[in-house]
Structures are given as structure tokens and as C-alpha cells.
PDBML (XML) file of the C-alpha atoms, coordinates in Angstrom:
<?xml version="1.0" encoding="UTF-8" ?>
<PDBx:datablock datablockName="MODEL"
   xmlns:PDBx="http://pdbml.pdb.org/schema/pdbx-v50.xsd"
   xmlns:xsi="http://www.w3.org/2001/XMLSchema-instance"
   xsi:schemaLocation="http://pdbml.pdb.org/schema/pdbx-v50.xsd pdbx-v50.xsd">
   <PDBx:atom_siteCategory>
      <PDBx:atom_site id="1">
         <PDBx:B_iso_or_equiv>0.00</PDBx:B_iso_or_equiv>
         <PDBx:Cartn_x>-91.308</PDBx:Cartn_x>
         <PDBx:Cartn_y>0.773</PDBx:Cartn_y>
         <PDBx:Cartn_z>-55.064</PDBx:Cartn_z>
         <PDBx:auth_asym_id>A</PDBx:auth_asym_id>
         <PDBx:auth_atom_id>CA</PDBx:auth_atom_id>
         <PDBx:auth_comp_id>GLU</PDBx:auth_comp_id>
         <PDBx:auth_seq_id>1</PDBx:auth_seq_id>
         <PDBx:group_PDB>ATOM</PDBx:group_PDB>
         <PDBx:label_alt_id xsi:nil="true" />
         <PDBx:label_asym_id>A</PDBx:label_asym_id>
         <PDBx:label_atom_id>CA</PDBx:label_atom_id>
         <PDBx:label_comp_id>GLU</PDBx:label_comp_id>
         <PDBx:label_entity_id>1</PDBx:label_entity_id>
         <PDBx:label_seq_id>1</PDBx:label_seq_id>
         <PDBx:occupancy>1.00</PDBx:occupancy>
         <PDBx:pdbx_PDB_model_num>1</PDBx:pdbx_PDB_model_num>
         <PDBx:type_symbol>C</PDBx:type_symbol>
      </PDBx:atom_site>
      <PDBx:atom_site id="2">
         <PDBx:B_iso_or_equiv>0.00</PDBx:B_iso_or_equiv>
         <PDBx:Cartn_x>-91.464</PDBx:Cartn_x>
         <PDBx:Cartn_y>3.386</PDBx:Cartn_y>
         <PDBx:Cartn_z>-52.307</PDBx:Cartn_z>
         <PDBx:auth_asym_id>A</PDBx:auth_asym_id>
         <PDBx:auth_atom_id>CA</PDBx:auth_atom_id>
         <PDBx:auth_comp_id>VAL</PDBx:auth_comp_id>
         <PDBx:auth_seq_id>2</PDBx:auth_seq_id>
         <PDBx:group_PDB>ATOM</PDBx:group_PDB>
         <PDBx:label_alt_id xsi:nil="true" />
         <PDBx:label_asym_id>A</PDBx:label_asym_id>
         <PDBx:label_atom_id>CA</PDBx:label_atom_id>
         <PDBx:label_comp_id>VAL</PDBx:label_comp_id>
         <PDBx:label_entity_id>1</PDBx:label_entity_id>
         <PDBx:label_seq_id>2</PDBx:label_seq_id>
         <PDBx:occupancy>1.00</PDBx:occupancy>
         <PDBx:pdbx_PDB_model_num>1</PDBx:pdbx_PDB_model_num>
         <PDBx:type_symbol>C</PDBx:type_symbol>
      </PDBx:atom_site>
      <PDBx:atom_site id="3">
         <PDBx:B_iso_or_equiv>0.00</PDBx:B_iso_or_equiv>
         <PDBx:Cartn_x>-92.464</PDBx:Cartn_x>
         <PDBx:Cartn_y>5.912</PDBx:Cartn_y>
         <PDBx:Cartn_z>-54.577</PDBx:Cartn_z>
         <PDBx:auth_asym_id>A</PDBx:auth_asym_id>
         <PDBx:auth_atom_id>CA</PDBx:auth_atom_id>
         <PDBx:auth_comp_id>GLU</PDBx:auth_comp_id>
         <PDBx:auth_seq_id>3</PDBx:auth_seq_id>
         <PDBx:group_PDB>ATOM</PDBx:group_PDB>
         <PDBx:label_alt_id xsi:nil="true" />
         <PDBx:label_asym_id>A</PDBx:label_asym_id>
         <PDBx:label_atom_id>CA</PDBx:label_atom_id>
         <PDBx:label_comp_id>GLU</PDBx:label_comp_id>
         <PDBx:label_entity_id>1</PDBx:label_entity_id>
         <PDBx:label_seq_id>3</PDBx:label_seq_id>
         <PDBx:occupancy>1.00</PDBx:occupancy>
         <PDBx:pdbx_PDB_model_num>1</PDBx:pdbx_PDB_model_num>
         <PDBx:type_symbol>C</PDBx:type_symbol>
      </PDBx:atom_site>
      <PDBx:atom_site id="4">
         <PDBx:B_iso_or_equiv>0.00</PDBx:B_iso_or_equiv>
         <PDBx:Cartn_x>-95.281</PDBx:Cartn_x>
         <PDBx:Cartn_y>3.884</PDBx:Cartn_y>
         <PDBx:Cartn_z>-56.130</PDBx:Cartn_z>
         <PDBx:auth_asym_id>A</PDBx:auth_asym_id>
         <PDBx:auth_atom_id>CA</PDBx:auth_atom_id>
         <PDBx:auth_comp_id>ARG</PDBx:auth_comp_id>
         <PDBx:auth_seq_id>4</PDBx:auth_seq_id>
         <PDBx:group_PDB>ATOM</PDBx:group_PDB>
         <PDBx:label_alt_id xsi:nil="true" />
         <PDBx:label_asym_id>A</PDBx:label_asym_id>
         <PDBx:label_atom_id>CA</PDBx:label_atom_id>
         <PDBx:label_comp_id>ARG</PDBx:label_comp_id>
         <PDBx:label_entity_id>1</PDBx:label_entity_id>
         <PDBx:label_seq_id>4</PDBx:label_seq_id>
         <PDBx:occupancy>1.00</PDBx:occupancy>
         <PDBx:pdbx_PDB_model_num>1</PDBx:pdbx_PDB_model_num>
         <PDBx:type_symbol>C</PDBx:type_symbol>
      </PDBx:atom_site>
      <PDBx:atom_site id="5">
         <PDBx:B_iso_or_equiv>0.00</PDBx:B_iso_or_equiv>
         <PDBx:Cartn_x>-96.639</PDBx:Cartn_x>
         <PDBx:Cartn_y>3.203</PDBx:Cartn_y>
         <PDBx:Cartn_z>-52.439</PDBx:Cartn_z>
         <PDBx:auth_asym_id>A</PDBx:auth_asym_id>
         <PDBx:auth_atom_id>CA</PDBx:auth_atom_id>
         <PDBx:auth_comp_id>ILE</PDBx:auth_comp_id>
         <PDBx:auth_seq_id>5</PDBx:auth_seq_id>
         <PDBx:group_PDB>ATOM</PDBx:group_PDB>
         <PDBx:label_alt_id xsi:nil="true" />
         <PDBx:label_asym_id>A</PDBx:label_asym_id>
         <PDBx:label_atom_id>CA</PDBx:label_atom_id>
         <PDBx:label_comp_id>ILE</PDBx:label_comp_id>
         <PDBx:label_entity_id>1</PDBx:label_entity_id>
         <PDBx:label_seq_id>5</PDBx:label_seq_id>
         <PDBx:occupancy>1.00</PDBx:occupancy>
         <PDBx:pdbx_PDB_model_num>1</PDBx:pdbx_PDB_model_num>
         <PDBx:type_symbol>C</PDBx:type_symbol>
      </PDBx:atom_site>
      <PDBx:atom_site id="6">
         <PDBx:B_iso_or_equiv>0.00</PDBx:B_iso_or_equiv>
         <PDBx:Cartn_x>-96.301</PDBx:Cartn_x>
         <PDBx:Cartn_y>6.880</PDBx:Cartn_y>
         <PDBx:Cartn_z>-51.896</PDBx:Cartn_z>
         <PDBx:auth_asym_id>A</PDBx:auth_asym_id>
         <PDBx:auth_atom_id>CA</PDBx:auth_atom_id>
         <PDBx:auth_comp_id>ILE</PDBx:auth_comp_id>
         <PDBx:auth_seq_id>6</PDBx:auth_seq_id>
         <PDBx:group_PDB>ATOM</PDBx:group_PDB>
         <PDBx:label_alt_id xsi:nil="true" />
         <PDBx:label_asym_id>A</PDBx:label_asym_id>
         <PDBx:label_atom_id>CA</PDBx:label_atom_id>
         <PDBx:label_comp_id>ILE</PDBx:label_comp_id>
         <PDBx:label_entity_id>1</PDBx:label_entity_id>
         <PDBx:label_seq_id>6</PDBx:label_seq_id>
         <PDBx:occupancy>1.00</PDBx:occupancy>
         <PDBx:pdbx_PDB_model_num>1</PDBx:pdbx_PDB_model_num>
         <PDBx:type_symbol>C</PDBx:type_symbol>
      </PDBx:atom_site>
      <PDBx:atom_site id="7">
         <PDBx:B_iso_or_equiv>0.00</PDBx:B_iso_or_equiv>
         <PDBx:Cartn_x>-98.353</PDBx:Cartn_x>
         <PDBx:Cartn_y>7.559</PDBx:Cartn_y>
         <PDBx:Cartn_z>-54.879</PDBx:Cartn_z>
         <PDBx:auth_asym_id>A</PDBx:auth_asym_id>
         <PDBx:auth_atom_id>CA</PDBx:auth_atom_id>
         <PDBx:auth_comp_id>GLY</PDBx:auth_comp_id>
         <PDBx:auth_seq_id>7</PDBx:auth_seq_id>
         <PDBx:group_PDB>ATOM</PDBx:group_PDB>
         <PDBx:label_alt_id xsi:nil="true" />
         <PDBx:label_asym_id>A</PDBx:label_asym_id>
         <PDBx:label_atom_id>CA</PDBx:label_atom_id>
         <PDBx:label_comp_id>GLY</PDBx:label_comp_id>
         <PDBx:label_entity_id>1</PDBx:label_entity_id>
         <PDBx:label_seq_id>7</PDBx:label_seq_id>
         <PDBx:occupancy>1.00</PDBx:occupancy>
         <PDBx:pdbx_PDB_model_num>1</PDBx:pdbx_PDB_model_num>
         <PDBx:type_symbol>C</PDBx:type_symbol>
      </PDBx:atom_site>
      <PDBx:atom_site id="8">
         <PDBx:B_iso_or_equiv>0.00</PDBx:B_iso_or_equiv>
         <PDBx:Cartn_x>-101.182</PDBx:Cartn_x>
         <PDBx:Cartn_y>5.109</PDBx:Cartn_y>
         <PDBx:Cartn_z>-53.877</PDBx:Cartn_z>
         <PDBx:auth_asym_id>A</PDBx:auth_asym_id>
         <PDBx:auth_atom_id>CA</PDBx:auth_atom_id>
         <PDBx:auth_comp_id>GLU</PDBx:auth_comp_id>
         <PDBx:auth_seq_id>8</PDBx:auth_seq_id>
         <PDBx:group_PDB>ATOM</PDBx:group_PDB>
         <PDBx:label_alt_id xsi:nil="true" />
         <PDBx:label_asym_id>A</PDBx:label_asym_id>
         <PDBx:label_atom_id>CA</PDBx:label_atom_id>
         <PDBx:label_comp_id>GLU</PDBx:label_comp_id>
         <PDBx:label_entity_id>1</PDBx:label_entity_id>
         <PDBx:label_seq_id>8</PDBx:label_seq_id>
         <PDBx:occupancy>1.00</PDBx:occupancy>
         <PDBx:pdbx_PDB_model_num>1</PDBx:pdbx_PDB_model_num>
         <PDBx:type_symbol>C</PDBx:type_symbol>
      </PDBx:atom_site>
      <PDBx:atom_site id="9">
         <PDBx:B_iso_or_equiv>0.00</PDBx:B_iso_or_equiv>
         <PDBx:Cartn_x>-101.302</PDBx:Cartn_x>
         <PDBx:Cartn_y>6.468</PDBx:Cartn_y>
         <PDBx:Cartn_z>-50.282</PDBx:Cartn_z>
         <PDBx:auth_asym_id>A</PDBx:auth_asym_id>
         <PDBx:auth_atom_id>CA</PDBx:auth_atom_id>
         <PDBx:auth_comp_id>ILE</PDBx:auth_comp_id>
         <PDBx:auth_seq_id>9</PDBx:auth_seq_id>
         <PDBx:group_PDB>ATOM</PDBx:group_PDB>
         <PDBx:label_alt_id xsi:nil="true" />
         <PDBx:label_asym_id>A</PDBx:label_asym_id>
         <PDBx:label_atom_id>CA</PDBx:label_atom_id>
         <PDBx:label_comp_id>ILE</PDBx:label_comp_id>
         <PDBx:label_entity_id>1</PDBx:label_entity_id>
         <PDBx:label_seq_id>9</PDBx:label_seq_id>
         <PDBx:occupancy>1.00</PDBx:occupancy>
         <PDBx:pdbx_PDB_model_num>1</PDBx:pdbx_PDB_model_num>
         <PDBx:type_symbol>C</PDBx:type_symbol>
      </PDBx:atom_site>
      <PDBx:atom_site id="10">
         <PDBx:B_iso_or_equiv>0.00</PDBx:B_iso_or_equiv>
         <PDBx:Cartn_x>-101.853</PDBx:Cartn_x>
         <PDBx:Cartn_y>9.989</PDBx:Cartn_y>
         <PDBx:Cartn_z>-51.700</PDBx:Cartn_z>
         <PDBx:auth_asym_id>A</PDBx:auth_asym_id>
         <PDBx:auth_atom_id>CA</PDBx:auth_atom_id>
         <PDBx:auth_comp_id>ALA</PDBx:auth_comp_id>
         <PDBx:auth_seq_id>10</PDBx:auth_seq_id>
         <PDBx:group_PDB>ATOM</PDBx:group_PDB>
         <PDBx:label_alt_id xsi:nil="true" />
         <PDBx:label_asym_id>A</PDBx:label_asym_id>
         <PDBx:label_atom_id>CA</PDBx:label_atom_id>
         <PDBx:label_comp_id>ALA</PDBx:label_comp_id>
         <PDBx:label_entity_id>1</PDBx:label_entity_id>
         <PDBx:label_seq_id>10</PDBx:label_seq_id>
         <PDBx:occupancy>1.00</PDBx:occupancy>
         <PDBx:pdbx_PDB_model_num>1</PDBx:pdbx_PDB_model_num>
         <PDBx:type_symbol>C</PDBx:type_symbol>
      </PDBx:atom_site>
      <PDBx:atom_site id="11">
         <PDBx:B_iso_or_equiv>0.00</PDBx:B_iso_or_equiv>
         <PDBx:Cartn_x>-104.208</PDBx:Cartn_x>
         <PDBx:Cartn_y>8.818</PDBx:Cartn_y>
         <PDBx:Cartn_z>-54.451</PDBx:Cartn_z>
         <PDBx:auth_asym_id>A</PDBx:auth_asym_id>
         <PDBx:auth_atom_id>CA</PDBx:auth_atom_id>
         <PDBx:auth_comp_id>ALA</PDBx:auth_comp_id>
         <PDBx:auth_seq_id>11</PDBx:auth_seq_id>
         <PDBx:group_PDB>ATOM</PDBx:group_PDB>
         <PDBx:label_alt_id xsi:nil="true" />
         <PDBx:label_asym_id>A</PDBx:label_asym_id>
         <PDBx:label_atom_id>CA</PDBx:label_atom_id>
         <PDBx:label_comp_id>ALA</PDBx:label_comp_id>
         <PDBx:label_entity_id>1</PDBx:label_entity_id>
         <PDBx:label_seq_id>11</PDBx:label_seq_id>
         <PDBx:occupancy>1.00</PDBx:occupancy>
         <PDBx:pdbx_PDB_model_num>1</PDBx:pdbx_PDB_model_num>
         <PDBx:type_symbol>C</PDBx:type_symbol>
      </PDBx:atom_site>
      <PDBx:atom_site id="12">
         <PDBx:B_iso_or_equiv>0.00</PDBx:B_iso_or_equiv>
         <PDBx:Cartn_x>-106.315</PDBx:Cartn_x>
         <PDBx:Cartn_y>7.642</PDBx:Cartn_y>
         <PDBx:Cartn_z>-51.388</PDBx:Cartn_z>
         <PDBx:auth_asym_id>A</PDBx:auth_asym_id>
         <PDBx:auth_atom_id>CA</PDBx:auth_atom_id>
         <PDBx:auth_comp_id>GLY</PDBx:auth_comp_id>
         <PDBx:auth_seq_id>12</PDBx:auth_seq_id>
         <PDBx:group_PDB>ATOM</PDBx:group_PDB>
         <PDBx:label_alt_id xsi:nil="true" />
         <PDBx:label_asym_id>A</PDBx:label_asym_id>
         <PDBx:label_atom_id>CA</PDBx:label_atom_id>
         <PDBx:label_comp_id>GLY</PDBx:label_comp_id>
         <PDBx:label_entity_id>1</PDBx:label_entity_id>
         <PDBx:label_seq_id>12</PDBx:label_seq_id>
         <PDBx:occupancy>1.00</PDBx:occupancy>
         <PDBx:pdbx_PDB_model_num>1</PDBx:pdbx_PDB_model_num>
         <PDBx:type_symbol>C</PDBx:type_symbol>
      </PDBx:atom_site>
      <PDBx:atom_site id="13">
         <PDBx:B_iso_or_equiv>0.00</PDBx:B_iso_or_equiv>
         <PDBx:Cartn_x>-106.550</PDBx:Cartn_x>
         <PDBx:Cartn_y>10.919</PDBx:Cartn_y>
         <PDBx:Cartn_z>-50.128</PDBx:Cartn_z>
         <PDBx:auth_asym_id>A</PDBx:auth_asym_id>
         <PDBx:auth_atom_id>CA</PDBx:auth_atom_id>
         <PDBx:auth_comp_id>GLY</PDBx:auth_comp_id>
         <PDBx:auth_seq_id>13</PDBx:auth_seq_id>
         <PDBx:group_PDB>ATOM</PDBx:group_PDB>
         <PDBx:label_alt_id xsi:nil="true" />
         <PDBx:label_asym_id>A</PDBx:label_asym_id>
         <PDBx:label_atom_id>CA</PDBx:label_atom_id>
         <PDBx:label_comp_id>GLY</PDBx:label_comp_id>
         <PDBx:label_entity_id>1</PDBx:label_entity_id>
         <PDBx:label_seq_id>13</PDBx:label_seq_id>
         <PDBx:occupancy>1.00</PDBx:occupancy>
         <PDBx:pdbx_PDB_model_num>1</PDBx:pdbx_PDB_model_num>
         <PDBx:type_symbol>C</PDBx:type_symbol>
      </PDBx:atom_site>
      <PDBx:atom_site id="14">
         <PDBx:B_iso_or_equiv>0.00</PDBx:B_iso_or_equiv>
         <PDBx:Cartn_x>-103.827</PDBx:Cartn_x>
         <PDBx:Cartn_y>11.334</PDBx:Cartn_y>
         <PDBx:Cartn_z>-47.680</PDBx:Cartn_z>
         <PDBx:auth_asym_id>A</PDBx:auth_asym_id>
         <PDBx:auth_atom_id>CA</PDBx:auth_atom_id>
         <PDBx:auth_comp_id>ALA</PDBx:auth_comp_id>
         <PDBx:auth_seq_id>14</PDBx:auth_seq_id>
         <PDBx:group_PDB>ATOM</PDBx:group_PDB>
         <PDBx:label_alt_id xsi:nil="true" />
         <PDBx:label_asym_id>A</PDBx:label_asym_id>
         <PDBx:label_atom_id>CA</PDBx:label_atom_id>
         <PDBx:label_comp_id>ALA</PDBx:label_comp_id>
         <PDBx:label_entity_id>1</PDBx:label_entity_id>
         <PDBx:label_seq_id>14</PDBx:label_seq_id>
         <PDBx:occupancy>1.00</PDBx:occupancy>
         <PDBx:pdbx_PDB_model_num>1</PDBx:pdbx_PDB_model_num>
         <PDBx:type_symbol>C</PDBx:type_symbol>
      </PDBx:atom_site>
      <PDBx:atom_site id="15">
         <PDBx:B_iso_or_equiv>0.00</PDBx:B_iso_or_equiv>
         <PDBx:Cartn_x>-101.667</PDBx:Cartn_x>
         <PDBx:Cartn_y>14.630</PDBx:Cartn_y>
         <PDBx:Cartn_z>-47.645</PDBx:Cartn_z>
         <PDBx:auth_asym_id>A</PDBx:auth_asym_id>
         <PDBx:auth_atom_id>CA</PDBx:auth_atom_id>
         <PDBx:auth_comp_id>ARG</PDBx:auth_comp_id>
         <PDBx:auth_seq_id>15</PDBx:auth_seq_id>
         <PDBx:group_PDB>ATOM</PDBx:group_PDB>
         <PDBx:label_alt_id xsi:nil="true" />
         <PDBx:label_asym_id>A</PDBx:label_asym_id>
         <PDBx:label_atom_id>CA</PDBx:label_atom_id>
         <PDBx:label_comp_id>ARG</PDBx:label_comp_id>
         <PDBx:label_entity_id>1</PDBx:label_entity_id>
         <PDBx:label_seq_id>15</PDBx:label_seq_id>
         <PDBx:occupancy>1.00</PDBx:occupancy>
         <PDBx:pdbx_PDB_model_num>1</PDBx:pdbx_PDB_model_num>
         <PDBx:type_symbol>C</PDBx:type_symbol>
      </PDBx:atom_site>
      <PDBx:atom_site id="16">
         <PDBx:B_iso_or_equiv>0.00</PDBx:B_iso_or_equiv>
         <PDBx:Cartn_x>-97.883</PDBx:Cartn_x>
         <PDBx:Cartn_y>14.018</PDBx:Cartn_y>
         <PDBx:Cartn_z>-47.912</PDBx:Cartn_z>
         <PDBx:auth_asym_id>A</PDBx:auth_asym_id>
         <PDBx:auth_atom_id>CA</PDBx:auth_atom_id>
         <PDBx:auth_comp_id>ILE</PDBx:auth_comp_id>
         <PDBx:auth_seq_id>16</PDBx:auth_seq_id>
         <PDBx:group_PDB>ATOM</PDBx:group_PDB>
         <PDBx:label_alt_id xsi:nil="true" />
         <PDBx:label_asym_id>A</PDBx:label_asym_id>
         <PDBx:label_atom_id>CA</PDBx:label_atom_id>
         <PDBx:label_comp_id>ILE</PDBx:label_comp_id>
         <PDBx:label_entity_id>1</PDBx:label_entity_id>
         <PDBx:label_seq_id>16</PDBx:label_seq_id>
         <PDBx:occupancy>1.00</PDBx:occupancy>
         <PDBx:pdbx_PDB_model_num>1</PDBx:pdbx_PDB_model_num>
         <PDBx:type_symbol>C</PDBx:type_symbol>
      </PDBx:atom_site>
      <PDBx:atom_site id="17">
         <PDBx:B_iso_or_equiv>0.00</PDBx:B_iso_or_equiv>
         <PDBx:Cartn_x>-95.210</PDBx:Cartn_x>
         <PDBx:Cartn_y>15.998</PDBx:Cartn_y>
         <PDBx:Cartn_z>-46.496</PDBx:Cartn_z>
         <PDBx:auth_asym_id>A</PDBx:auth_asym_id>
         <PDBx:auth_atom_id>CA</PDBx:auth_atom_id>
         <PDBx:auth_comp_id>VAL</PDBx:auth_comp_id>
         <PDBx:auth_seq_id>17</PDBx:auth_seq_id>
         <PDBx:group_PDB>ATOM</PDBx:group_PDB>
         <PDBx:label_alt_id xsi:nil="true" />
         <PDBx:label_asym_id>A</PDBx:label_asym_id>
         <PDBx:label_atom_id>CA</PDBx:label_atom_id>
         <PDBx:label_comp_id>VAL</PDBx:label_comp_id>
         <PDBx:label_entity_id>1</PDBx:label_entity_id>
         <PDBx:label_seq_id>17</PDBx:label_seq_id>
         <PDBx:occupancy>1.00</PDBx:occupancy>
         <PDBx:pdbx_PDB_model_num>1</PDBx:pdbx_PDB_model_num>
         <PDBx:type_symbol>C</PDBx:type_symbol>
      </PDBx:atom_site>
      <PDBx:atom_site id="18">
         <PDBx:B_iso_or_equiv>0.00</PDBx:B_iso_or_equiv>
         <PDBx:Cartn_x>-91.820</PDBx:Cartn_x>
         <PDBx:Cartn_y>14.612</PDBx:Cartn_y>
         <PDBx:Cartn_z>-47.226</PDBx:Cartn_z>
         <PDBx:auth_asym_id>A</PDBx:auth_asym_id>
         <PDBx:auth_atom_id>CA</PDBx:auth_atom_id>
         <PDBx:auth_comp_id>MET</PDBx:auth_comp_id>
         <PDBx:auth_seq_id>18</PDBx:auth_seq_id>
         <PDBx:group_PDB>ATOM</PDBx:group_PDB>
         <PDBx:label_alt_id xsi:nil="true" />
         <PDBx:label_asym_id>A</PDBx:label_asym_id>
         <PDBx:label_atom_id>CA</PDBx:label_atom_id>
         <PDBx:label_comp_id>MET</PDBx:label_comp_id>
         <PDBx:label_entity_id>1</PDBx:label_entity_id>
         <PDBx:label_seq_id>18</PDBx:label_seq_id>
         <PDBx:occupancy>1.00</PDBx:occupancy>
         <PDBx:pdbx_PDB_model_num>1</PDBx:pdbx_PDB_model_num>
         <PDBx:type_symbol>C</PDBx:type_symbol>
      </PDBx:atom_site>
      <PDBx:atom_site id="19">
         <PDBx:B_iso_or_equiv>0.00</PDBx:B_iso_or_equiv>
         <PDBx:Cartn_x>-88.064</PDBx:Cartn_x>
         <PDBx:Cartn_y>15.642</PDBx:Cartn_y>
         <PDBx:Cartn_z>-46.836</PDBx:Cartn_z>
         <PDBx:auth_asym_id>A</PDBx:auth_asym_id>
         <PDBx:auth_atom_id>CA</PDBx:auth_atom_id>
         <PDBx:auth_comp_id>THR</PDBx:auth_comp_id>
         <PDBx:auth_seq_id>19</PDBx:auth_seq_id>
         <PDBx:group_PDB>ATOM</PDBx:group_PDB>
         <PDBx:label_alt_id xsi:nil="true" />
         <PDBx:label_asym_id>A</PDBx:label_asym_id>
         <PDBx:label_atom_id>CA</PDBx:label_atom_id>
         <PDBx:label_comp_id>THR</PDBx:label_comp_id>
         <PDBx:label_entity_id>1</PDBx:label_entity_id>
         <PDBx:label_seq_id>19</PDBx:label_seq_id>
         <PDBx:occupancy>1.00</PDBx:occupancy>
         <PDBx:pdbx_PDB_model_num>1</PDBx:pdbx_PDB_model_num>
         <PDBx:type_symbol>C</PDBx:type_symbol>
      </PDBx:atom_site>
      <PDBx:atom_site id="20">
         <PDBx:B_iso_or_equiv>0.00</PDBx:B_iso_or_equiv>
         <PDBx:Cartn_x>-85.755</PDBx:Cartn_x>
         <PDBx:Cartn_y>14.385</PDBx:Cartn_y>
         <PDBx:Cartn_z>-49.763</PDBx:Cartn_z>
         <PDBx:auth_asym_id>A</PDBx:auth_asym_id>
         <PDBx:auth_atom_id>CA</PDBx:auth_atom_id>
         <PDBx:auth_comp_id>THR</PDBx:auth_comp_id>
         <PDBx:auth_seq_id>20</PDBx:auth_seq_id>
         <PDBx:group_PDB>ATOM</PDBx:group_PDB>
         <PDBx:label_alt_id xsi:nil="true" />
         <PDBx:label_asym_id>A</PDBx:label_asym_id>
         <PDBx:label_atom_id>CA</PDBx:label_atom_id>
         <PDBx:label_comp_id>THR</PDBx:label_comp_id>
         <PDBx:label_entity_id>1</PDBx:label_entity_id>
         <PDBx:label_seq_id>20</PDBx:label_seq_id>
         <PDBx:occupancy>1.00</PDBx:occupancy>
         <PDBx:pdbx_PDB_model_num>1</PDBx:pdbx_PDB_model_num>
         <PDBx:type_symbol>C</PDBx:type_symbol>
      </PDBx:atom_site>
      <PDBx:atom_site id="21">
         <PDBx:B_iso_or_equiv>0.00</PDBx:B_iso_or_equiv>
         <PDBx:Cartn_x>-82.463</PDBx:Cartn_x>
         <PDBx:Cartn_y>14.957</PDBx:Cartn_y>
         <PDBx:Cartn_z>-51.133</PDBx:Cartn_z>
         <PDBx:auth_asym_id>A</PDBx:auth_asym_id>
         <PDBx:auth_atom_id>CA</PDBx:auth_atom_id>
         <PDBx:auth_comp_id>HIS</PDBx:auth_comp_id>
         <PDBx:auth_seq_id>21</PDBx:auth_seq_id>
         <PDBx:group_PDB>ATOM</PDBx:group_PDB>
         <PDBx:label_alt_id xsi:nil="true" />
         <PDBx:label_asym_id>A</PDBx:label_asym_id>
         <PDBx:label_atom_id>CA</PDBx:label_atom_id>
         <PDBx:label_comp_id>HIS</PDBx:label_comp_id>
         <PDBx:label_entity_id>1</PDBx:label_entity_id>
         <PDBx:label_seq_id>21</PDBx:label_seq_id>
         <PDBx:occupancy>1.00</PDBx:occupancy>
         <PDBx:pdbx_PDB_model_num>1</PDBx:pdbx_PDB_model_num>
         <PDBx:type_symbol>C</PDBx:type_symbol>
      </PDBx:atom_site>
      <PDBx:atom_site id="22">
         <PDBx:B_iso_or_equiv>0.00</PDBx:B_iso_or_equiv>
         <PDBx:Cartn_x>-83.435</PDBx:Cartn_x>
         <PDBx:Cartn_y>13.636</PDBx:Cartn_y>
         <PDBx:Cartn_z>-54.673</PDBx:Cartn_z>
         <PDBx:auth_asym_id>A</PDBx:auth_asym_id>
         <PDBx:auth_atom_id>CA</PDBx:auth_atom_id>
         <PDBx:auth_comp_id>ASN</PDBx:auth_comp_id>
         <PDBx:auth_seq_id>22</PDBx:auth_seq_id>
         <PDBx:group_PDB>ATOM</PDBx:group_PDB>
         <PDBx:label_alt_id xsi:nil="true" />
         <PDBx:label_asym_id>A</PDBx:label_asym_id>
         <PDBx:label_atom_id>CA</PDBx:label_atom_id>
         <PDBx:label_comp_id>ASN</PDBx:label_comp_id>
         <PDBx:label_entity_id>1</PDBx:label_entity_id>
         <PDBx:label_seq_id>22</PDBx:label_seq_id>
         <PDBx:occupancy>1.00</PDBx:occupancy>
         <PDBx:pdbx_PDB_model_num>1</PDBx:pdbx_PDB_model_num>
         <PDBx:type_symbol>C</PDBx:type_symbol>
      </PDBx:atom_site>
      <PDBx:atom_site id="23">
         <PDBx:B_iso_or_equiv>0.00</PDBx:B_iso_or_equiv>
         <PDBx:Cartn_x>-84.630</PDBx:Cartn_x>
         <PDBx:Cartn_y>16.410</PDBx:Cartn_y>
         <PDBx:Cartn_z>-56.817</PDBx:Cartn_z>
         <PDBx:auth_asym_id>A</PDBx:auth_asym_id>
         <PDBx:auth_atom_id>CA</PDBx:auth_atom_id>
         <PDBx:auth_comp_id>LEU</PDBx:auth_comp_id>
         <PDBx:auth_seq_id>23</PDBx:auth_seq_id>
         <PDBx:group_PDB>ATOM</PDBx:group_PDB>
         <PDBx:label_alt_id xsi:nil="true" />
         <PDBx:label_asym_id>A</PDBx:label_asym_id>
         <PDBx:label_atom_id>CA</PDBx:label_atom_id>
         <PDBx:label_comp_id>LEU</PDBx:label_comp_id>
         <PDBx:label_entity_id>1</PDBx:label_entity_id>
         <PDBx:label_seq_id>23</PDBx:label_seq_id>
         <PDBx:occupancy>1.00</PDBx:occupancy>
         <PDBx:pdbx_PDB_model_num>1</PDBx:pdbx_PDB_model_num>
         <PDBx:type_symbol>C</PDBx:type_symbol>
      </PDBx:atom_site>
      <PDBx:atom_site id="24">
         <PDBx:B_iso_or_equiv>0.00</PDBx:B_iso_or_equiv>
         <PDBx:Cartn_x>-86.059</PDBx:Cartn_x>
         <PDBx:Cartn_y>14.037</PDBx:Cartn_y>
         <PDBx:Cartn_z>-59.282</PDBx:Cartn_z>
         <PDBx:auth_asym_id>A</PDBx:auth_asym_id>
         <PDBx:auth_atom_id>CA</PDBx:auth_atom_id>
         <PDBx:auth_comp_id>GLY</PDBx:auth_comp_id>
         <PDBx:auth_seq_id>24</PDBx:auth_seq_id>
         <PDBx:group_PDB>ATOM</PDBx:group_PDB>
         <PDBx:label_alt_id xsi:nil="true" />
         <PDBx:label_asym_id>A</PDBx:label_asym_id>
         <PDBx:label_atom_id>CA</PDBx:label_atom_id>
         <PDBx:label_comp_id>GLY</PDBx:label_comp_id>
         <PDBx:label_entity_id>1</PDBx:label_entity_id>
         <PDBx:label_seq_id>24</PDBx:label_seq_id>
         <PDBx:occupancy>1.00</PDBx:occupancy>
         <PDBx:pdbx_PDB_model_num>1</PDBx:pdbx_PDB_model_num>
         <PDBx:type_symbol>C</PDBx:type_symbol>
      </PDBx:atom_site>
   </PDBx:atom_siteCategory>
</PDBx:datablock>
């Protein structure tokens, strides 16, 4: 669900910079 939300925020034009330990 969090990934879905991030995708929608990005689709709205926001640039995303994230740290993650999850390679997938």
C-alpha cells in the first residue's frame, strides 16, 4: 500500500529520493 501511494505521488509530478534495504 505504501508503494502504491509513492507511485501515485510520483505520477503527480513529485521527484522521489528514497533509501531502502529492499532490492525488489
